[in-house]
Amino acid sequence: MTKRRNGGDELRAPRISRREFLKVTAAGLAGLMAGCRPAEQLGDTPTPTLGEQATALPTGMPTAAPTIAPTATPTIAPTATPTIAPAATPTVALPPTSLSQVAIAQADTYERALVRQQVEGLLDGLGGLGDVVDSGDRVAIKVNLTGGTYFQPPAGVSATESYFTHPEVVRALGELLRDAGARELRIVEALFTKDSYAVSGYEEVAEALNATLIDLNDPDPYNDFAIAPVGEGWFIYEGFVFNHILEEVDAFISVGKMKCHFNAGVTSAMKNLIGLVPVEHYRLETDHWWRSALHGASHETQARLSRVILDLNRARPIHLALIDGIKTAEGGEVPRGSFNPVEPGVLIASKNAVSADAVATAVMGFDPSIEPPNAPFLRGDNYLNMACELGLGTNRLGEIETVGAGISDVHCEFQPAWTM
């Protein structure tokens, strides 16, 4: 049924440590996943958007991979844009015959007991947390607090009911992680405004979970940032400026908000990683409050942003994706332009972020494998297609097994982002 708006074995990469991941990186691509169309030359001229031809990315970034030096100040220049690299890709080859599992649950409110019950059901449907978290593990939970308090939510709804990850979803997840043996919980985000955690209820949740709130704009508790390499086949950045915490954790979980995005098309678990890097290091101009260098100049954004998303997801692989779609918004990422609150009443989880985002995209009424310039990918390349081609997971609904509710049960037609 379509929601009314208000106004086999699963196919996934096994959980691996950063050290193991870098070993896989050195080995190169073991094989593209079956079912994806043949990889196109990603360096070809991008598909035109809304009648305009995209301009090829300029060259300029060095080709030598940066070393990870905890004491040296990173110097990745945010304005330099390298050529799109060859197709050799650091990835774990996925079995071609099994289905990727994505769990779907329904919840009409953020009532604490209900959210806990539904999140627990999602994880049980995926086989539990045993292959994500071991006893004594350190876990980072990446939330989406995009825009901070630069924007005011629409009248009658809160930021957590429209464009922030709701803290009750994180509370439920954190409790289950503690039950699974997690020793340390860190809730992480590179905050746009320092009061973002406080105004959105995360201080209370962190206290209840005995979790630490981390602003990734700062190197604390270290003296300096790390440089996390993407590995062979990087597109835009060879490495990213990261807080060392992102390297030292044993499990990394992305808890995104199910939304549209003006340039990327959709923003759920994978694009949520844009908020890993410190804003100060990724500005084109000093007065930009957003990470403008990740988008690039306007003529670059169509090709650039989607590839930055893929670079980030290879520099910091996701072990579990959880998507909050109980209450959210259509038409954009933050309150401006065509942004409008909606209530799909859904939670989505998978141990493969590509498949999680694909199902979320389908729940929103879009084809996750469609080529631009079709909705929702009106102004940027479909990063889900490229992720599939890279062997990071599948976005083909026929290769995904849904557990719990079906896509048709939670289907809610979204309007794409039309105006800024």
Protein backbone atom coordinates (compact mmCIF):
# COMPACT_ATOMS: atom_id res chain seq x y z
CA MET A 1 0.00 0.00 0.00
CA THR A 2 1.03 3.57 -0.54
CA LYS A 3 1.48 5.69 2.56
CA ARG A 4 -0.34 8.99 2.78
CA ARG A 5 1.88 12.03 3.18
CA ASN A 6 1.19 14.80 5.75
CA GLY A 7 1.20 18.01 3.89
CA GLY A 8 19.13 -17.73 0.47
CA ASP A 9 22.21 -16.07 2.05
CA GLU A 10 22.67 -12.43 2.11
CA LEU A 11 24.98 -10.76 -0.34
CA ARG A 12 27.42 -8.58 1.53
CA ALA A 13 31.05 -8.11 2.29
CA PRO A 14 32.11 -9.74 5.56
CA ARG A 15 32.93 -7.53 8.50
CA ILE A 16 36.61 -6.69 8.28
CA SER A 17 38.98 -4.54 10.24
CA ARG A 18 40.76 -1.55 8.69
CA ARG A 19 43.99 -3.58 8.59
CA GLU A 20 42.25 -6.42 6.75
CA PHE A 21 40.52 -3.92 4.48
CA LEU A 22 43.85 -2.40 3.47
CA LYS A 23 45.15 -5.88 2.67
CA VAL A 24 42.20 -6.38 0.37
CA THR A 25 42.95 -2.97 -1.11
CA ALA A 26 46.45 -4.09 -1.99
CA ALA A 27 45.11 -7.20 -3.67
CA GLY A 28 42.92 -5.14 -5.97
CA LEU A 29 39.55 -6.03 -7.45
CA ALA A 30 38.67 -9.72 -7.19
CA GLY A 31 35.66 -9.38 -9.48
CA LEU A 32 32.58 -7.30 -10.13
CA MET A 33 29.33 -8.59 -8.75
CA ALA A 34 27.13 -10.57 -11.15
CA GLY A 35 23.98 -8.80 -12.26
CA CYS A 36 25.54 -5.37 -12.69
CA ARG A 37 25.85 -4.08 -16.19
CA PRO A 38 29.42 -3.96 -17.59
CA ALA A 39 31.44 -1.19 -15.99
CA GLU A 40 31.55 1.89 -18.17
CA GLN A 41 34.61 4.07 -18.39
CA LEU A 42 33.94 6.28 -15.40
CA GLY A 43 36.20 8.90 -16.85
CA ASP A 44 33.89 9.44 -19.85
CA THR A 45 31.90 12.63 -20.13
CA PRO A 46 29.04 12.42 -17.56
CA THR A 47 25.43 12.27 -18.66
CA PRO A 48 24.11 15.83 -19.18
CA THR A 49 21.85 17.14 -16.44
CA LEU A 50 18.67 19.09 -17.29
CA GLY A 51 19.96 19.83 -20.76
CA GLU A 52 23.38 21.06 -19.68
CA GLN A 53 26.63 19.34 -20.53
CA ALA A 54 28.77 18.53 -17.47
CA THR A 55 32.38 19.64 -17.69
CA ALA A 56 35.10 17.05 -17.17
CA LEU A 57 36.88 17.21 -13.85
CA PRO A 58 40.21 19.04 -13.96
CA THR A 59 43.44 17.39 -13.00
CA GLY A 60 45.67 18.53 -10.20
CA MET A 61 45.88 16.17 -7.25
CA PRO A 62 49.08 14.17 -6.70
CA THR A 63 49.00 10.44 -7.38
CA ALA A 64 51.11 9.24 -4.47
CA ALA A 65 48.97 7.93 -1.61
CA PRO A 66 49.43 9.89 1.63
CA THR A 67 50.86 8.14 4.64
CA ILE A 68 48.92 7.88 7.86
CA ALA A 69 50.90 10.07 10.25
CA PRO A 70 49.18 10.74 13.57
CA THR A 71 51.46 13.62 14.44
CA ALA A 72 51.83 15.42 11.13
CA THR A 73 49.22 17.96 10.09
CA PRO A 74 47.36 16.72 6.97
CA THR A 75 47.65 18.92 3.93
CA ILE A 76 45.14 17.55 1.43
CA ALA A 77 44.14 20.57 -0.62
CA PRO A 78 40.34 20.76 -0.78
CA THR A 79 40.29 22.60 -4.09
CA ALA A 80 42.49 20.22 -6.07
CA THR A 81 40.58 17.72 -8.20
CA PRO A 82 42.39 14.70 -9.67
CA THR A 83 41.40 12.93 -12.82
CA ILE A 84 39.05 10.02 -12.41
CA ALA A 85 41.32 7.08 -11.65
CA PRO A 86 41.48 3.69 -13.40
CA ALA A 87 38.92 1.05 -12.57
CA ALA A 88 41.05 -0.97 -10.15
CA THR A 89 38.95 -0.92 -7.00
CA PRO A 90 39.60 -1.84 -3.37
CA THR A 91 36.67 -4.10 -2.57
CA VAL A 92 35.72 -7.48 -1.25
CA ALA A 93 34.38 -9.74 -3.99
CA LEU A 94 30.79 -10.70 -3.27
CA PRO A 95 29.26 -14.13 -4.02
CA PRO A 96 27.34 -13.89 -7.31
CA THR A 97 24.54 -16.32 -6.43
CA SER A 98 23.23 -15.20 -3.03
CA LEU A 99 20.76 -12.44 -2.27
CA SER A 100 21.52 -9.35 -0.25
CA GLN A 101 19.27 -9.06 2.80
CA VAL A 102 17.54 -5.84 3.82
CA ALA A 103 15.17 -5.76 6.78
CA ILE A 104 12.14 -3.45 6.85
CA ALA A 105 9.99 -2.59 9.86
CA GLN A 106 7.03 -0.28 10.39
CA ALA A 107 6.73 2.29 13.16
CA ASP A 108 4.36 5.24 13.13
CA THR A 109 5.91 7.11 16.06
CA TYR A 110 9.19 7.50 17.91
CA GLU A 111 7.70 6.06 21.10
CA ARG A 112 10.67 4.51 22.89
CA ALA A 113 9.37 0.98 23.45
CA LEU A 114 8.07 0.74 19.89
CA VAL A 115 11.32 1.89 18.31
CA ARG A 116 13.34 -0.51 20.47
CA GLN A 117 11.05 -3.41 19.51
CA GLN A 118 11.23 -2.63 15.79
CA VAL A 119 15.00 -2.03 15.67
CA GLU A 120 15.55 -5.28 17.55
CA GLY A 121 13.28 -7.05 15.06
CA LEU A 122 15.25 -5.59 12.14
CA LEU A 123 18.56 -6.86 13.51
CA ASP A 124 17.15 -10.27 14.41
CA GLY A 125 15.88 -10.56 10.84
CA LEU A 126 19.45 -9.98 9.63
CA GLY A 127 20.85 -12.71 11.88
CA GLY A 128 21.71 -10.51 14.85
CA LEU A 129 24.78 -8.46 15.64
CA GLY A 130 27.23 -11.32 16.15
CA ASP A 131 29.05 -10.66 12.88
CA VAL A 132 29.10 -6.89 13.50
CA VAL A 133 30.14 -6.58 17.14
CA ASP A 134 32.27 -8.81 19.35
CA SER A 135 32.52 -8.59 23.11
CA GLY A 136 34.79 -5.70 24.05
CA ASP A 137 34.50 -3.91 20.70
CA ARG A 138 34.61 -0.16 20.20
CA VAL A 139 31.76 1.10 18.01
CA ALA A 140 31.17 4.39 16.20
CA ILE A 141 27.61 5.39 15.30
CA LYS A 142 27.47 8.06 12.58
CA VAL A 143 24.30 10.14 12.77
CA ASN A 144 22.98 12.76 10.35
CA LEU A 145 22.66 16.23 11.88
CA THR A 146 23.19 18.06 8.62
CA GLY A 147 22.87 21.82 8.69
CA GLY A 148 22.83 22.00 12.47
CA THR A 149 20.82 24.99 13.62
CA TYR A 150 21.50 27.01 10.45
CA PHE A 151 17.96 26.02 9.45
CA GLN A 152 14.63 26.11 11.26
CA PRO A 153 12.33 23.11 10.78
CA PRO A 154 8.85 23.69 9.36
CA ALA A 155 6.14 24.75 11.77
CA GLY A 156 4.77 21.92 13.84
CA VAL A 157 7.68 19.49 13.43
CA SER A 158 11.13 19.22 14.96
CA ALA A 159 14.47 18.78 13.23
CA THR A 160 14.55 15.13 14.37
CA GLU A 161 11.11 14.63 12.81
CA SER A 162 12.15 16.04 9.46
CA TYR A 163 15.88 16.07 8.68
CA PHE A 164 17.99 14.86 11.64
CA THR A 165 18.47 11.22 12.62
CA HIS A 166 16.10 10.79 15.55
CA PRO A 167 17.89 10.07 18.86
CA GLU A 168 15.39 7.35 19.85
CA VAL A 169 16.59 5.25 16.90
CA VAL A 170 20.17 5.65 18.13
CA ARG A 171 19.13 4.88 21.71
CA ALA A 172 17.54 1.59 20.63
CA LEU A 173 20.56 0.65 18.53
CA GLY A 174 22.96 1.58 21.32
CA GLU A 175 21.13 -0.58 23.86
CA LEU A 176 21.32 -3.56 21.51
CA LEU A 177 25.01 -2.94 20.86
CA ARG A 178 25.64 -2.90 24.62
CA ASP A 179 23.71 -6.16 24.92
CA ALA A 180 25.92 -7.61 22.16
CA GLY A 181 29.05 -6.77 24.17
CA ALA A 182 30.17 -3.40 22.83
CA ARG A 183 32.68 -1.90 25.27
CA GLU A 184 32.74 1.68 23.97
CA LEU A 185 30.10 3.61 22.05
CA ARG A 186 30.92 6.83 20.23
CA ILE A 187 28.21 8.89 18.55
CA VAL A 188 29.98 10.85 15.82
CA GLU A 189 29.26 13.72 13.44
CA ALA A 190 31.23 16.68 12.08
CA LEU A 191 28.80 19.23 13.46
CA PHE A 192 27.75 22.31 11.52
CA THR A 193 26.90 24.07 14.78
CA LYS A 194 28.27 23.24 18.22
CA ASP A 195 24.83 23.04 19.81
CA SER A 196 23.55 20.35 17.41
CA TYR A 197 23.85 17.47 19.88
CA ALA A 198 22.21 19.44 22.68
CA VAL A 199 19.22 20.76 20.72
CA SER A 200 18.45 17.37 19.16
CA GLY A 201 18.38 15.30 22.36
CA TYR A 202 21.65 13.44 21.91
CA GLU A 203 23.17 14.50 25.22
CA GLU A 204 20.42 12.66 27.08
CA VAL A 205 20.80 9.58 24.88
CA ALA A 206 24.58 9.56 25.27
CA GLU A 207 24.23 9.70 29.05
CA ALA A 208 21.73 6.83 29.05
CA LEU A 209 24.03 4.69 26.87
CA ASN A 210 27.25 5.76 28.58
CA ALA A 211 28.34 6.83 25.11
CA THR A 212 30.72 9.61 24.08
CA LEU A 213 29.61 12.40 21.76
CA ILE A 214 32.34 13.25 19.25
CA ASP A 215 32.52 16.32 17.02
CA LEU A 216 34.59 15.11 14.08
CA ASN A 217 35.58 18.68 13.24
CA ASP A 218 38.08 18.39 16.08
CA PRO A 219 40.97 15.92 16.42
CA ASP A 220 40.15 15.31 20.11
CA PRO A 221 41.08 13.20 21.97
CA TYR A 222 44.16 13.18 19.71
CA ASN A 223 46.52 16.03 18.96
CA ASP A 224 46.02 15.91 15.22
CA PHE A 225 43.99 14.27 12.46
CA ALA A 226 44.79 11.11 10.53
CA ILE A 227 44.77 10.69 6.76
CA ALA A 228 42.65 7.67 5.86
CA PRO A 229 43.51 6.29 2.40
CA VAL A 230 40.84 5.28 -0.09
CA GLY A 231 43.10 2.76 -1.79
CA GLU A 232 43.62 1.90 -5.44
CA GLY A 233 41.01 3.18 -7.85
CA TRP A 234 40.20 6.34 -5.90
CA PHE A 235 38.15 8.84 -7.86
CA ILE A 236 38.47 12.32 -6.34
CA TYR A 237 40.45 11.99 -3.11
CA GLU A 238 43.34 9.64 -2.40
CA GLY A 239 42.64 10.00 1.31
CA PHE A 240 40.51 11.93 3.76
CA VAL A 241 41.20 13.96 6.88
CA PHE A 242 39.63 11.90 9.68
CA ASN A 243 39.61 11.90 13.45
CA HIS A 244 41.69 8.88 14.51
CA ILE A 245 38.62 7.44 16.24
CA LEU A 246 37.26 6.46 12.83
CA GLU A 247 40.33 4.27 12.29
CA GLU A 248 40.51 2.68 15.73
CA VAL A 249 36.89 1.51 16.10
CA ASP A 250 36.09 -2.16 15.55
CA ALA A 251 32.65 -1.54 14.06
CA PHE A 252 31.30 1.46 12.16
CA ILE A 253 27.54 2.00 11.80
CA SER A 254 25.81 4.61 9.66
CA VAL A 255 22.38 5.69 10.95
CA GLY A 256 21.02 7.93 8.23
CA LYS A 257 17.78 9.77 7.54
CA MET A 258 15.73 8.71 4.50
CA LYS A 259 15.64 11.90 2.42
CA CYS A 260 16.14 13.39 -1.03
CA HIS A 261 19.16 15.51 -1.94
CA PHE A 262 19.43 18.28 -4.51
CA ASN A 263 22.70 17.05 -6.05
CA ALA A 264 23.09 13.42 -4.96
CA GLY A 265 19.45 12.45 -5.50
CA VAL A 266 19.02 10.59 -2.22
CA THR A 267 20.78 10.66 1.12
CA SER A 268 20.43 7.68 3.44
CA ALA A 269 23.31 5.58 4.81
CA MET A 270 26.07 6.02 2.20
CA LYS A 271 25.86 9.77 1.67
CA ASN A 272 25.70 10.17 5.44
CA LEU A 273 29.49 9.71 5.35
CA ILE A 274 29.89 13.20 3.88
CA GLY A 275 29.63 14.27 7.52
CA LEU A 276 32.78 12.38 8.53
CA VAL A 277 35.26 15.02 7.43
CA PRO A 278 35.97 18.30 9.25
CA VAL A 279 34.31 21.24 7.54
CA GLU A 280 37.39 23.43 7.92
CA HIS A 281 39.45 21.14 5.68
CA TYR A 282 36.89 20.93 2.86
CA ARG A 283 35.84 24.49 2.03
CA LEU A 284 36.37 26.10 -1.36
CA GLU A 285 36.04 29.53 0.26
CA THR A 286 36.70 30.54 3.86
CA ASP A 287 33.18 31.89 4.28
CA HIS A 288 31.51 28.62 3.21
CA TRP A 289 29.89 26.92 6.21
CA TRP A 290 29.38 23.68 4.28
CA ARG A 291 31.89 21.22 2.76
CA SER A 292 31.87 22.97 -0.60
CA ALA A 293 35.07 21.30 -1.81
CA LEU A 294 33.34 17.91 -1.80
CA HIS A 295 30.80 19.31 -4.25
CA GLY A 296 33.34 21.27 -6.28
CA ALA A 297 32.51 24.12 -8.60
CA SER A 298 28.97 24.06 -10.01
CA HIS A 299 30.09 22.57 -13.33
CA GLU A 300 31.86 19.72 -11.49
CA THR A 301 29.19 18.68 -9.00
CA GLN A 302 27.28 16.25 -11.23
CA ALA A 303 30.28 13.96 -11.61
CA ARG A 304 32.21 14.88 -8.47
CA LEU A 305 29.86 14.47 -5.49
CA SER A 306 28.77 10.93 -6.35
CA ARG A 307 32.40 9.85 -6.63
CA VAL A 308 33.31 11.54 -3.36
CA ILE A 309 30.57 9.47 -1.71
CA LEU A 310 32.16 6.31 -3.08
CA ASP A 311 35.64 7.39 -1.99
CA LEU A 312 34.37 8.01 1.55
CA ASN A 313 32.64 4.63 1.72
CA ARG A 314 35.88 2.90 0.75
CA ALA A 315 38.01 4.92 3.17
CA ARG A 316 35.63 4.09 6.02
CA PRO A 317 33.56 0.97 5.17
CA ILE A 318 30.14 0.60 6.82
CA HIS A 319 29.47 -2.58 8.80
CA LEU A 320 25.79 -1.89 9.43
CA ALA A 321 23.37 0.59 7.86
CA LEU A 322 20.25 1.69 9.73
CA ILE A 323 17.91 4.19 8.09
CA ASP A 324 15.36 6.33 9.94
CA GLY A 325 12.28 6.89 7.79
CA ILE A 326 9.64 7.09 10.51
CA LYS A 327 9.24 10.83 10.06
CA THR A 328 11.31 12.69 7.52
CA ALA A 329 10.89 15.04 4.55
CA GLU A 330 10.62 14.93 0.79
CA GLY A 331 11.98 17.41 -1.71
CA GLY A 332 15.38 18.03 -0.17
CA GLU A 333 17.85 17.51 2.64
CA VAL A 334 17.24 20.59 4.79
CA PRO A 335 14.35 23.08 5.16
CA ARG A 336 14.48 25.16 1.99
CA GLY A 337 13.06 25.01 -1.51
CA SER A 338 10.76 22.04 -2.08
CA PHE A 339 11.35 20.55 1.40
CA ASN A 340 8.16 19.12 2.92
CA PRO A 341 7.63 16.89 6.00
CA VAL A 342 6.30 13.35 5.38
CA GLU A 343 5.64 10.33 7.60
CA PRO A 344 6.53 7.05 5.85
CA GLY A 345 6.61 5.14 9.15
CA VAL A 346 9.52 2.90 8.20
CA LEU A 347 12.88 1.68 9.49
CA ILE A 348 15.38 -0.07 7.19
CA ALA A 349 18.55 -2.00 8.03
CA SER A 350 21.17 -4.05 6.22
CA LYS A 351 24.74 -5.18 6.63
CA ASN A 352 25.30 -3.90 3.10
CA ALA A 353 24.90 -0.13 2.78
CA VAL A 354 24.37 -0.16 -1.00
CA SER A 355 21.39 -2.49 -0.69
CA ALA A 356 20.00 -0.55 2.29
CA ASP A 357 20.09 2.69 0.29
CA ALA A 358 18.58 0.96 -2.74
CA VAL A 359 15.59 -0.28 -0.75
CA ALA A 360 15.15 3.12 0.89
CA THR A 361 15.17 4.71 -2.58
CA ALA A 362 12.52 2.23 -3.76
CA VAL A 363 10.37 2.89 -0.67
CA MET A 364 10.48 6.57 -1.66
CA GLY A 365 8.97 5.65 -5.02
CA PHE A 366 12.13 5.85 -7.15
CA ASP A 367 14.02 3.27 -9.19
CA PRO A 368 17.40 2.83 -7.43
CA SER A 369 19.06 1.70 -10.68
CA ILE A 370 17.74 4.45 -12.95
CA GLU A 371 20.16 6.54 -15.00
CA PRO A 372 20.27 10.34 -14.70
CA PRO A 373 18.80 12.77 -15.46
CA ASN A 374 15.75 10.95 -14.09
CA ALA A 375 14.26 11.44 -10.62
CA PRO A 376 15.66 11.39 -8.05
CA PHE A 377 19.06 11.66 -9.79
CA LEU A 378 18.28 14.88 -11.62
CA ARG A 379 21.58 16.71 -11.10
CA GLY A 380 24.14 14.04 -10.30
CA ASP A 381 25.32 10.59 -11.31
CA ASN A 382 23.61 7.66 -9.60
CA TYR A 383 26.21 6.62 -7.02
CA LEU A 384 24.24 3.43 -6.30
CA ASN A 385 24.84 2.25 -9.88
CA MET A 386 28.53 3.01 -9.57
CA ALA A 387 28.74 1.27 -6.18
CA CYS A 388 27.19 -1.82 -7.76
CA GLU A 389 29.69 -1.70 -10.61
CA LEU A 390 32.51 -1.48 -8.07
CA GLY A 391 31.32 -4.63 -6.33
CA LEU A 392 30.43 -2.84 -3.10
CA GLY A 393 26.91 -4.28 -3.08
CA THR A 394 23.83 -4.52 -5.24
CA ASN A 395 21.19 -1.89 -5.94
CA ARG A 396 19.17 -4.28 -8.14
CA LEU A 397 15.92 -5.04 -6.33
CA GLY A 398 15.76 -8.50 -7.92
CA GLU A 399 19.00 -9.36 -6.14
CA ILE A 400 17.77 -8.18 -2.73
CA GLU A 401 15.73 -10.22 -0.26
CA THR A 402 13.56 -8.11 2.03
CA VAL A 403 12.96 -9.41 5.54
CA GLY A 404 9.95 -8.34 7.60
CA ALA A 405 7.71 -5.90 5.75
CA GLY A 406 7.82 -5.62 1.97
CA ILE A 407 8.62 -2.51 -0.04
CA SER A 408 4.99 -2.27 -1.15
CA ASP A 409 3.85 -2.30 2.48
CA VAL A 410 5.77 0.88 3.28
CA HIS A 411 5.78 2.58 -0.13
CA CYS A 412 5.51 6.37 0.17
CA GLU A 413 5.75 8.55 -2.93
CA PHE A 414 8.36 11.27 -2.43
CA GLN A 415 8.83 14.38 -4.50
CA PRO A 416 12.48 14.82 -5.55
CA ALA A 417 14.41 17.99 -4.78
CA TRP A 418 13.23 20.53 -7.34
CA THR A 419 14.52 23.83 -5.98
CA MET A 420 17.19 24.92 -3.52
